[in-house]
Amino acid sequence: MSSVHKDYEGAKLGMWLFLFTEVLLFGGMFVLYSVYLHRYPTEYHEAGKELNAFIGGLNTVVLLISSYFVALAISFIQQGKQKKAIQFTYLTIIMAFLFLVNKFFEWKAKFGHGIYPGSEHLREIPQGESVFY
């Protein structure tokens, strides 16, 4: 007979630490975005016109749905419903593939416009727009 040790407290602490680091990372990114937006309001507005709201919205929907599928898969694992868990894991993988396809087209458009690190285009545009990208 094999006994499996489950450290629920350690798992909870690990999850809280992960969430804390994510809040720090994204909080810092939002602070930097706000500082530069305040410093270069016109340039940020102009650069923002290059973004495709449809692609960004589609990416958001894909990420939300894939998160929901992962949560369902975990729930089914906990309920002992392996077949359902596998189905939702496959659906999550499909959503990940859709996300990557969407990112491919998004980045292909950016590269086509010369918007990538070290490009001549970024050297020629105003500093605020370059910082935005």
C-alpha atoms as a PDB file:
ATOM      1  CA  MET A   1       0.000   0.000   0.000  1.00  0.00           C
ATOM      2  CA  SER A   2       1.448   3.320  -1.083  1.00  0.00           C
ATOM      3  CA  SER A   3       0.677   6.511   0.763  1.00  0.00           C
ATOM      4  CA  VAL A   4       0.772   9.767  -1.122  1.00  0.00           C
ATOM      5  CA  HIS A   5       1.806  12.830   0.828  1.00  0.00           C
ATOM      6  CA  LYS A   6      -0.101  15.919  -0.222  1.00  0.00           C
ATOM      7  CA  ASP A   7       1.168  19.260   1.009  1.00  0.00           C
ATOM      8  CA  TYR A   8      -1.897  21.443   0.601  1.00  0.00           C
ATOM      9  CA  GLU A   9      -0.429  24.270   2.691  1.00  0.00           C
ATOM     10  CA  GLY A  10       2.723  24.325   0.563  1.00  0.00           C
ATOM     11  CA  ALA A  11       0.644  24.290  -2.613  1.00  0.00           C
ATOM     12  CA  LYS A  12      -1.461  27.199  -1.349  1.00  0.00           C
ATOM     13  CA  LEU A  13       1.621  29.172  -0.365  1.00  0.00           C
ATOM     14  CA  GLY A  14       3.162  28.500  -3.774  1.00  0.00           C
ATOM     15  CA  MET A  15       0.026  29.721  -5.538  1.00  0.00           C
ATOM     16  CA  TRP A  16      -0.118  32.884  -3.424  1.00  0.00           C
ATOM     17  CA  LEU A  17       3.569  33.566  -4.126  1.00  0.00           C
ATOM     18  CA  PHE A  18       2.969  33.081  -7.836  1.00  0.00           C
ATOM     19  CA  LEU A  19      -0.005  35.465  -7.765  1.00  0.00           C
ATOM     20  CA  PHE A  20       2.003  38.010  -5.772  1.00  0.00           C
ATOM     21  CA  THR A  21       4.846  37.973  -8.311  1.00  0.00           C
ATOM     22  CA  GLU A  22       2.341  38.367 -11.155  1.00  0.00           C
ATOM     23  CA  VAL A  23       0.798  41.399  -9.427  1.00  0.00           C
ATOM     24  CA  LEU A  24       4.289  42.877  -9.000  1.00  0.00           C
ATOM     25  CA  LEU A  25       5.216  42.251 -12.629  1.00  0.00           C
ATOM     26  CA  PHE A  26       2.028  43.563 -14.191  1.00  0.00           C
ATOM     27  CA  GLY A  27       1.686  46.335 -11.621  1.00  0.00           C
ATOM     28  CA  GLY A  28       5.158  47.534 -12.559  1.00  0.00           C
ATOM     29  CA  MET A  29       4.295  47.360 -16.242  1.00  0.00           C
ATOM     30  CA  PHE A  30       1.133  49.428 -15.707  1.00  0.00           C
ATOM     31  CA  VAL A  31       3.065  52.003 -13.667  1.00  0.00           C
ATOM     32  CA  LEU A  32       5.681  52.300 -16.445  1.00  0.00           C
ATOM     33  CA  TYR A  33       2.935  52.559 -19.065  1.00  0.00           C
ATOM     34  CA  SER A  34       1.246  55.321 -17.056  1.00  0.00           C
ATOM     35  CA  VAL A  35       4.487  57.261 -16.566  1.00  0.00           C
ATOM     36  CA  TYR A  36       5.358  57.153 -20.260  1.00  0.00           C
ATOM     37  CA  LEU A  37       1.768  57.898 -21.278  1.00  0.00           C
ATOM     38  CA  HIS A  38       1.933  61.010 -19.098  1.00  0.00           C
ATOM     39  CA  ARG A  39       5.305  61.951 -20.587  1.00  0.00           C
ATOM     40  CA  TYR A  40       4.372  61.307 -24.257  1.00  0.00           C
ATOM     41  CA  PRO A  41       0.558  61.611 -24.519  1.00  0.00           C
ATOM     42  CA  THR A  42       0.425  62.647 -28.189  1.00  0.00           C
ATOM     43  CA  GLU A  43       2.965  60.073 -29.345  1.00  0.00           C
ATOM     44  CA  TYR A  44       1.214  57.280 -27.433  1.00  0.00           C
ATOM     45  CA  HIS A  45      -2.084  58.253 -29.033  1.00  0.00           C
ATOM     46  CA  GLU A  46      -0.542  58.168 -32.505  1.00  0.00           C
ATOM     47  CA  ALA A  47       1.237  54.856 -31.905  1.00  0.00           C
ATOM     48  CA  GLY A  48      -1.953  53.332 -30.496  1.00  0.00           C
ATOM     49  CA  LYS A  49      -3.640  53.862 -33.855  1.00  0.00           C
ATOM     50  CA  GLU A  50      -1.385  51.104 -35.248  1.00  0.00           C
ATOM     51  CA  LEU A  51      -2.963  48.522 -32.947  1.00  0.00           C
ATOM     52  CA  ASN A  52      -5.749  46.296 -34.209  1.00  0.00           C
ATOM     53  CA  ALA A  53      -8.588  46.291 -31.659  1.00  0.00           C
ATOM     54  CA  PHE A  54     -10.213  43.234 -33.247  1.00  0.00           C
ATOM     55  CA  ILE A  55      -7.086  41.087 -32.927  1.00  0.00           C
ATOM     56  CA  GLY A  56      -6.510  42.305 -29.370  1.00  0.00           C
ATOM     57  CA  GLY A  57     -10.128  41.582 -28.443  1.00  0.00           C
ATOM     58  CA  LEU A  58      -9.960  38.160 -30.060  1.00  0.00           C
ATOM     59  CA  ASN A  59      -6.797  37.356 -28.104  1.00  0.00           C
ATOM     60  CA  THR A  60      -8.532  38.363 -24.878  1.00  0.00           C
ATOM     61  CA  VAL A  61     -11.535  36.142 -25.616  1.00  0.00           C
ATOM     62  CA  VAL A  62      -9.281  33.199 -26.524  1.00  0.00           C
ATOM     63  CA  LEU A  63      -7.307  33.595 -23.278  1.00  0.00           C
ATOM     64  CA  LEU A  64     -10.451  33.831 -21.149  1.00  0.00           C
ATOM     65  CA  ILE A  65     -12.003  30.761 -22.766  1.00  0.00           C
ATOM     66  CA  SER A  66      -8.785  28.759 -22.441  1.00  0.00           C
ATOM     67  CA  SER A  67      -8.554  29.705 -18.746  1.00  0.00           C
ATOM     68  CA  TYR A  68     -12.132  28.518 -18.284  1.00  0.00           C
ATOM     69  CA  PHE A  69     -11.326  25.217 -20.021  1.00  0.00           C
ATOM     70  CA  VAL A  70      -8.286  24.677 -17.769  1.00  0.00           C
ATOM     71  CA  ALA A  71     -10.414  25.354 -14.691  1.00  0.00           C
ATOM     72  CA  LEU A  72     -13.002  22.841 -15.914  1.00  0.00           C
ATOM     73  CA  ALA A  73     -10.305  20.246 -16.608  1.00  0.00           C
ATOM     74  CA  ILE A  74      -8.915  20.645 -13.090  1.00  0.00           C
ATOM     75  CA  SER A  75     -12.407  20.389 -11.636  1.00  0.00           C
ATOM     76  CA  PHE A  76     -13.074  17.183 -13.574  1.00  0.00           C
ATOM     77  CA  ILE A  77      -9.749  15.726 -12.408  1.00  0.00           C
ATOM     78  CA  GLN A  78     -10.754  16.419  -8.812  1.00  0.00           C
ATOM     79  CA  GLN A  79     -14.100  14.732  -9.429  1.00  0.00           C
ATOM     80  CA  GLY A  80     -12.403  11.669 -10.909  1.00  0.00           C
ATOM     81  CA  LYS A  81     -13.867  12.270 -14.374  1.00  0.00           C
ATOM     82  CA  GLN A  82     -10.742  11.546 -16.376  1.00  0.00           C
ATOM     83  CA  LYS A  83     -12.375  11.455 -19.812  1.00  0.00           C
ATOM     84  CA  LYS A  84     -13.951  14.905 -19.353  1.00  0.00           C
ATOM     85  CA  ALA A  85     -10.666  16.265 -17.968  1.00  0.00           C
ATOM     86  CA  ILE A  86      -8.803  15.031 -21.050  1.00  0.00           C
ATOM     87  CA  GLN A  87     -11.426  16.565 -23.367  1.00  0.00           C
ATOM     88  CA  PHE A  88     -11.088  19.976 -21.748  1.00  0.00           C
ATOM     89  CA  THR A  89      -7.311  19.699 -21.747  1.00  0.00           C
ATOM     90  CA  TYR A  90      -7.449  19.127 -25.515  1.00  0.00           C
ATOM     91  CA  LEU A  91      -9.800  22.106 -25.879  1.00  0.00           C
ATOM     92  CA  THR A  92      -7.290  24.191 -23.926  1.00  0.00           C
ATOM     93  CA  ILE A  93      -4.520  23.088 -26.292  1.00  0.00           C
ATOM     94  CA  ILE A  94      -6.677  24.069 -29.275  1.00  0.00           C
ATOM     95  CA  MET A  95      -7.217  27.494 -27.726  1.00  0.00           C
ATOM     96  CA  ALA A  96      -3.447  27.815 -27.193  1.00  0.00           C
ATOM     97  CA  PHE A  97      -2.932  27.034 -30.872  1.00  0.00           C
ATOM     98  CA  LEU A  98      -5.523  29.697 -31.827  1.00  0.00           C
ATOM     99  CA  PHE A  99      -3.699  32.175 -29.592  1.00  0.00           C
ATOM    100  CA  LEU A 100      -0.404  31.424 -31.343  1.00  0.00           C
ATOM    101  CA  VAL A 101      -1.974  31.735 -34.797  1.00  0.00           C
ATOM    102  CA  ASN A 102      -3.477  35.066 -33.771  1.00  0.00           C
ATOM    103  CA  LYS A 103      -0.085  36.221 -32.441  1.00  0.00           C
ATOM    104  CA  PHE A 104       1.568  35.158 -35.702  1.00  0.00           C
ATOM    105  CA  PHE A 105      -0.699  37.421 -37.745  1.00  0.00           C
ATOM    106  CA  GLU A 106      -0.353  40.248 -35.242  1.00  0.00           C
ATOM    107  CA  TRP A 107       3.446  40.112 -35.255  1.00  0.00           C
ATOM    108  CA  LYS A 108       3.594  39.567 -39.023  1.00  0.00           C
ATOM    109  CA  ALA A 109       1.725  42.855 -39.462  1.00  0.00           C
ATOM    110  CA  LYS A 110       4.072  44.636 -37.046  1.00  0.00           C
ATOM    111  CA  PHE A 111       7.171  43.334 -38.833  1.00  0.00           C
ATOM    112  CA  GLY A 112       5.587  44.343 -42.145  1.00  0.00           C
ATOM    113  CA  HIS A 113       5.284  47.899 -40.829  1.00  0.00           C
ATOM    114  CA  GLY A 114       8.905  47.823 -39.638  1.00  0.00           C
ATOM    115  CA  ILE A 115       7.937  47.725 -35.965  1.00  0.00           C
ATOM    116  CA  TYR A 116      10.436  45.430 -34.268  1.00  0.00           C
ATOM    117  CA  PRO A 117      13.432  45.952 -31.960  1.00  0.00           C
ATOM    118  CA  GLY A 118      16.338  47.669 -33.682  1.00  0.00           C
ATOM    119  CA  SER A 119      14.407  48.524 -36.863  1.00  0.00           C
ATOM    120  CA  GLU A 120      15.121  51.636 -38.906  1.00  0.00           C
ATOM    121  CA  HIS A 121      11.476  52.645 -38.615  1.00  0.00           C
ATOM    122  CA  LEU A 122      11.684  52.819 -34.813  1.00  0.00           C
ATOM    123  CA  ARG A 123      14.807  54.981 -35.065  1.00  0.00           C
ATOM    124  CA  GLU A 124      13.051  57.454 -37.367  1.00  0.00           C
ATOM    125  CA  ILE A 125       9.800  57.981 -35.462  1.00  0.00           C
ATOM    126  CA  PRO A 126       9.448  60.270 -32.419  1.00  0.00           C
ATOM    127  CA  GLN A 127      10.885  58.884 -29.168  1.00  0.00           C
ATOM    128  CA  GLY A 128       7.459  58.604 -27.512  1.00  0.00           C
ATOM    129  CA  GLU A 129       6.143  56.375 -30.302  1.00  0.00           C
ATOM    130  CA  SER A 130       9.308  54.269 -30.157  1.00  0.00           C
ATOM    131  CA  VAL A 131       8.884  53.839 -26.386  1.00  0.00           C
ATOM    132  CA  PHE A 132       5.271  52.814 -26.942  1.00  0.00           C
ATOM    133  CA  TYR A 133       6.364  49.939 -29.174  1.00  0.00           C
END
